[in-house]
Each structure stands twice: as structure tokens, then as C-alpha cells.
Amino acid sequence: MMKMNIQKFAGKTNVFPVSDNKFKIGESKESATVVADLETFSPSFSNGVETWTPMDTEGWQRSLMTAKAVTITLSGKRNIGDTGNDFASGKTFKNGHDAEAYFEWEMPDGTSISWPNAVIDVKNNAGGDATNVGALEFDVISNGKPTVTPAL
């Protein structure tokens, strides 16, 4: 008897469009909202690795991962009046703890990664060519260990 893979039969596979990622920002988890009009994102993982070469390994290096950091670069259009877009834009001239915010990344499989005090580093607020739609571009920089909630 032939078994059918219902997901493939329905046109679904394990691949997904990047637009299935969701990003929320706000003063707290309860007030966080999706940022409208984001077009691209790029996560960058930085890892601290200490290496050493002891004599008993015959010249072969040993390694230990000792640190981690994440920077998520987001870019899109400035949408005045959207709560999430306005919130991110509002971090443009902030410093210190005022530049921090709750940030959550929900991946397509349902896993979420969040920080209660991520640093919001605005790179472009409404800039571009005269004929462009105003841009909103910012980095979200990890600030401590994230909360990772696996998909259900």
C-alpha cells in the first residue's frame, strides 16, 4: 500500500519564505507589536572561541566556545503611525538604557528568541533618494542571554 505524505500532497515542504519570520518590539513583552513594512533581515552570530595547543595533543589545537552574541539587521520603509515602526524609529536619538527595548524574533517553525533589553541601533531613519520611500534601518543587538522558547 502506498503511503501519502499529506504535507507534500498539499503543496507544503520544509522550506519557507523569509517573510514567515516575525519581529516584535516594544517597552515590554506585553506592549510589543510587529514592525510594519520591514523588507529584509539578516542575523549575524558572533562566537568567542578560545583555542590552545597543549603538548599532549601532538600539535593539534583544542577549542572551547566561550561567548556568543547576535546582531539582527532589519531594513524596510518608515511607516509613520504604525506602532512598531514608530517605536523603533523613536530610538534614533536615544542613548544608554533608553536605547533598549523588548525584542522578539519568531521563526517560521514557531521557535521564539527574545531579549527584555536588546539594544536598538537605528542606522537610517527616513533617508534615501528624493524618489524613494523613506527608509527605516536598524540593528537589534543582543544584550545578555536570550530566552529561547521552542516551537510547540
C-alpha atoms as a PDB file:
ATOM      1  CA  MET A   1       0.000   0.000   0.000  1.00  0.00           C
ATOM      2  CA  MET A   2       1.338   3.450  -0.931  1.00  0.00           C
ATOM      3  CA  LYS A   3       1.612   5.988   1.907  1.00  0.00           C
ATOM      4  CA  MET A   4       0.977   9.611   1.042  1.00  0.00           C
ATOM      5  CA  ASN A   5       2.894  12.481   2.541  1.00  0.00           C
ATOM      6  CA  ILE A   6      -0.048  14.796   3.195  1.00  0.00           C
ATOM      7  CA  GLN A   7       2.178  17.875   3.608  1.00  0.00           C
ATOM      8  CA  LYS A   8       3.768  17.397   0.192  1.00  0.00           C
ATOM      9  CA  PHE A   9       0.404  16.485  -1.292  1.00  0.00           C
ATOM     10  CA  ALA A  10      -0.957  19.797  -0.018  1.00  0.00           C
ATOM     11  CA  GLY A  11       1.970  21.645  -1.626  1.00  0.00           C
ATOM     12  CA  LYS A  12       3.901  22.141   1.618  1.00  0.00           C
ATOM     13  CA  THR A  13       7.529  21.220   2.169  1.00  0.00           C
ATOM     14  CA  ASN A  14      10.082  22.014   4.840  1.00  0.00           C
ATOM     15  CA  VAL A  15      11.261  25.149   3.038  1.00  0.00           C
ATOM     16  CA  PHE A  16       9.671  28.524   3.779  1.00  0.00           C
ATOM     17  CA  PRO A  17       9.642  32.123   2.559  1.00  0.00           C
ATOM     18  CA  VAL A  18      11.745  34.547   4.606  1.00  0.00           C
ATOM     19  CA  SER A  19       8.592  36.614   5.131  1.00  0.00           C
ATOM     20  CA  ASP A  20       7.380  33.904   7.564  1.00  0.00           C
ATOM     21  CA  ASN A  21       9.739  35.388  10.198  1.00  0.00           C
ATOM     22  CA  LYS A  22       8.064  37.858  12.574  1.00  0.00           C
ATOM     23  CA  PHE A  23       9.657  40.610  14.635  1.00  0.00           C
ATOM     24  CA  LYS A  24       8.065  42.358  17.610  1.00  0.00           C
ATOM     25  CA  ILE A  25       9.363  45.366  19.521  1.00  0.00           C
ATOM     26  CA  GLY A  26       8.152  47.420  22.477  1.00  0.00           C
ATOM     27  CA  GLU A  27       8.814  48.633  26.003  1.00  0.00           C
ATOM     28  CA  SER A  28       7.811  45.178  27.303  1.00  0.00           C
ATOM     29  CA  LYS A  29       6.618  41.804  26.041  1.00  0.00           C
ATOM     30  CA  GLU A  30       3.021  42.824  26.734  1.00  0.00           C
ATOM     31  CA  SER A  31       3.262  46.014  24.651  1.00  0.00           C
ATOM     32  CA  ALA A  32       5.422  44.598  21.841  1.00  0.00           C
ATOM     33  CA  THR A  33       3.970  44.749  18.337  1.00  0.00           C
ATOM     34  CA  VAL A  34       5.060  43.687  14.869  1.00  0.00           C
ATOM     35  CA  VAL A  35       7.058  46.304  12.941  1.00  0.00           C
ATOM     36  CA  ALA A  36       5.231  47.129   9.690  1.00  0.00           C
ATOM     37  CA  ASP A  37       6.943  47.401   6.311  1.00  0.00           C
ATOM     38  CA  LEU A  38      10.151  45.522   7.078  1.00  0.00           C
ATOM     39  CA  GLU A  39      11.614  44.114   3.868  1.00  0.00           C
ATOM     40  CA  THR A  40      14.847  42.357   4.797  1.00  0.00           C
ATOM     41  CA  PHE A  41      16.609  40.947   7.813  1.00  0.00           C
ATOM     42  CA  SER A  42      19.987  39.421   8.347  1.00  0.00           C
ATOM     43  CA  PRO A  43      21.029  37.704  11.581  1.00  0.00           C
ATOM     44  CA  SER A  44      24.734  37.681  12.362  1.00  0.00           C
ATOM     45  CA  PHE A  45      26.082  35.354  15.037  1.00  0.00           C
ATOM     46  CA  SER A  46      29.379  36.184  16.711  1.00  0.00           C
ATOM     47  CA  ASN A  47      31.069  33.494  18.732  1.00  0.00           C
ATOM     48  CA  GLY A  48      34.015  33.764  21.088  1.00  0.00           C
ATOM     49  CA  VAL A  49      36.239  30.742  20.791  1.00  0.00           C
ATOM     50  CA  GLU A  50      39.364  30.278  22.864  1.00  0.00           C
ATOM     51  CA  THR A  51      41.970  27.974  21.381  1.00  0.00           C
ATOM     52  CA  TRP A  52      45.122  26.405  22.779  1.00  0.00           C
ATOM     53  CA  THR A  53      47.606  23.800  21.684  1.00  0.00           C
ATOM     54  CA  PRO A  54      48.759  21.558  24.533  1.00  0.00           C
ATOM     55  CA  MET A  55      51.785  19.362  24.128  1.00  0.00           C
ATOM     56  CA  ASP A  56      49.828  16.157  24.739  1.00  0.00           C
ATOM     57  CA  THR A  57      47.735  16.617  21.540  1.00  0.00           C
ATOM     58  CA  GLU A  58      50.778  16.288  19.244  1.00  0.00           C
ATOM     59  CA  GLY A  59      50.312  19.777  17.835  1.00  0.00           C
ATOM     60  CA  TRP A  60      46.558  19.538  17.339  1.00  0.00           C
ATOM     61  CA  GLN A  61      44.633  22.563  18.545  1.00  0.00           C
ATOM     62  CA  ARG A  62      41.890  22.362  21.171  1.00  0.00           C
ATOM     63  CA  SER A  63      38.960  24.810  21.293  1.00  0.00           C
ATOM     64  CA  LEU A  64      36.159  25.907  23.577  1.00  0.00           C
ATOM     65  CA  MET A  65      33.240  28.203  22.712  1.00  0.00           C
ATOM     66  CA  THR A  66      33.226  30.799  25.499  1.00  0.00           C
ATOM     67  CA  ALA A  67      30.925  33.596  24.277  1.00  0.00           C
ATOM     68  CA  LYS A  68      28.003  34.374  21.953  1.00  0.00           C
ATOM     69  CA  ALA A  69      26.334  37.466  20.528  1.00  0.00           C
ATOM     70  CA  VAL A  70      23.652  38.121  17.920  1.00  0.00           C
ATOM     71  CA  THR A  71      23.034  41.186  15.787  1.00  0.00           C
ATOM     72  CA  ILE A  72      19.882  41.227  13.662  1.00  0.00           C
ATOM     73  CA  THR A  73      19.915  43.831  10.892  1.00  0.00           C
ATOM     74  CA  LEU A  74      16.413  44.877   9.781  1.00  0.00           C
ATOM     75  CA  SER A  75      15.535  47.225   6.955  1.00  0.00           C
ATOM     76  CA  GLY A  76      12.336  48.463   5.416  1.00  0.00           C
ATOM     77  CA  LYS A  77      10.243  51.574   4.992  1.00  0.00           C
ATOM     78  CA  ARG A  78       9.435  54.263   7.543  1.00  0.00           C
ATOM     79  CA  ASN A  79       5.710  53.944   8.257  1.00  0.00           C
ATOM     80  CA  ILE A  80       4.545  56.867  10.391  1.00  0.00           C
ATOM     81  CA  GLY A  81       1.598  55.801  12.526  1.00  0.00           C
ATOM     82  CA  ASP A  82       2.478  52.106  12.810  1.00  0.00           C
ATOM     83  CA  THR A  83       3.122  51.339  16.499  1.00  0.00           C
ATOM     84  CA  GLY A  84       6.131  49.042  15.979  1.00  0.00           C
ATOM     85  CA  ASN A  85       7.679  51.187  13.243  1.00  0.00           C
ATOM     86  CA  ASP A  86       7.212  54.373  15.326  1.00  0.00           C
ATOM     87  CA  PHE A  87       8.715  52.657  18.384  1.00  0.00           C
ATOM     88  CA  ALA A  88      11.870  51.571  16.521  1.00  0.00           C
ATOM     89  CA  SER A  89      12.200  54.986  14.873  1.00  0.00           C
ATOM     90  CA  GLY A  90      11.848  56.620  18.296  1.00  0.00           C
ATOM     91  CA  LYS A  91      15.142  55.026  19.397  1.00  0.00           C
ATOM     92  CA  THR A  92      17.107  57.133  16.860  1.00  0.00           C
ATOM     93  CA  PHE A  93      18.364  59.756  19.325  1.00  0.00           C
ATOM     94  CA  LYS A  94      18.389  57.610  22.481  1.00  0.00           C
ATOM     95  CA  ASN A  95      21.473  56.569  24.449  1.00  0.00           C
ATOM     96  CA  GLY A  96      22.201  54.232  27.327  1.00  0.00           C
ATOM     97  CA  HIS A  97      19.276  52.203  28.678  1.00  0.00           C
ATOM     98  CA  ASP A  98      16.860  54.460  26.776  1.00  0.00           C
ATOM     99  CA  ALA A  99      18.095  52.765  23.563  1.00  0.00           C
ATOM    100  CA  GLU A 100      16.986  49.339  24.857  1.00  0.00           C
ATOM    101  CA  ALA A 101      13.718  47.551  24.181  1.00  0.00           C
ATOM    102  CA  TYR A 102      11.970  44.204  24.376  1.00  0.00           C
ATOM    103  CA  PHE A 103      12.596  42.395  21.087  1.00  0.00           C
ATOM    104  CA  GLU A 104      11.240  39.066  19.875  1.00  0.00           C
ATOM    105  CA  TRP A 105      12.051  37.069  16.750  1.00  0.00           C
ATOM    106  CA  GLU A 106       9.536  34.347  15.901  1.00  0.00           C
ATOM    107  CA  MET A 107      10.961  31.864  13.438  1.00  0.00           C
ATOM    108  CA  PRO A 108       8.823  30.059  10.835  1.00  0.00           C
ATOM    109  CA  ASP A 109       8.800  26.831  12.876  1.00  0.00           C
ATOM    110  CA  GLY A 110       7.311  28.701  15.868  1.00  0.00           C
ATOM    111  CA  THR A 111      10.536  28.990  17.907  1.00  0.00           C
ATOM    112  CA  SER A 112      10.893  32.427  19.505  1.00  0.00           C
ATOM    113  CA  ILE A 113      14.033  34.211  20.638  1.00  0.00           C
ATOM    114  CA  SER A 114      13.630  37.281  22.841  1.00  0.00           C
ATOM    115  CA  TRP A 115      15.568  39.788  24.918  1.00  0.00           C
ATOM    116  CA  PRO A 116      13.948  42.071  27.506  1.00  0.00           C
ATOM    117  CA  ASN A 117      16.652  44.731  26.963  1.00  0.00           C
ATOM    118  CA  ALA A 118      18.020  44.407  23.427  1.00  0.00           C
ATOM    119  CA  VAL A 119      19.920  47.434  22.118  1.00  0.00           C
ATOM    120  CA  ILE A 120      18.150  49.160  19.202  1.00  0.00           C
ATOM    121  CA  ASP A 121      20.768  50.818  16.990  1.00  0.00           C
ATOM    122  CA  VAL A 122      18.977  52.911  14.320  1.00  0.00           C
ATOM    123  CA  LYS A 123      21.108  53.292  11.173  1.00  0.00           C
ATOM    124  CA  ASN A 124      18.715  55.114   8.810  1.00  0.00           C
ATOM    125  CA  ASN A 125      15.517  56.954   9.671  1.00  0.00           C
ATOM    126  CA  ALA A 126      13.607  58.284   6.628  1.00  0.00           C
ATOM    127  CA  GLY A 127      16.660  58.655   4.344  1.00  0.00           C
ATOM    128  CA  GLY A 128      17.083  57.799   0.675  1.00  0.00           C
ATOM    129  CA  ASP A 129      16.921  59.344  -2.793  1.00  0.00           C
ATOM    130  CA  ALA A 130      14.297  62.013  -3.485  1.00  0.00           C
ATOM    131  CA  THR A 131      12.128  59.472  -5.319  1.00  0.00           C
ATOM    132  CA  ASN A 132      12.481  56.701  -2.692  1.00  0.00           C
ATOM    133  CA  VAL A 133      10.060  55.834   0.073  1.00  0.00           C
ATOM    134  CA  GLY A 134      11.725  56.851   3.363  1.00  0.00           C
ATOM    135  CA  ALA A 135      13.778  54.052   4.911  1.00  0.00           C
ATOM    136  CA  LEU A 136      13.900  52.587   8.404  1.00  0.00           C
ATOM    137  CA  GLU A 137      17.001  50.511   9.062  1.00  0.00           C
ATOM    138  CA  PHE A 138      18.193  49.319  12.453  1.00  0.00           C
ATOM    139  CA  ASP A 139      20.272  46.698  14.199  1.00  0.00           C
ATOM    140  CA  VAL A 140      18.985  44.767  17.173  1.00  0.00           C
ATOM    141  CA  ILE A 141      22.000  43.824  19.289  1.00  0.00           C
ATOM    142  CA  SER A 142      21.743  41.090  21.902  1.00  0.00           C
ATOM    143  CA  ASN A 143      22.145  42.257  25.469  1.00  0.00           C
ATOM    144  CA  GLY A 144      22.691  39.177  27.583  1.00  0.00           C
ATOM    145  CA  LYS A 145      21.427  35.659  27.084  1.00  0.00           C
ATOM    146  CA  PRO A 146      18.147  35.424  25.141  1.00  0.00           C
ATOM    147  CA  THR A 147      15.076  33.482  26.150  1.00  0.00           C
ATOM    148  CA  VAL A 148      14.618  30.734  23.567  1.00  0.00           C
ATOM    149  CA  THR A 149      11.150  29.180  23.519  1.00  0.00           C
ATOM    150  CA  PRO A 150      10.997  26.064  21.323  1.00  0.00           C
ATOM    151  CA  ALA A 151       8.120  25.567  18.906  1.00  0.00           C
ATOM    152  CA  LEU A 152       5.199  23.589  20.311  1.00  0.00           C
END
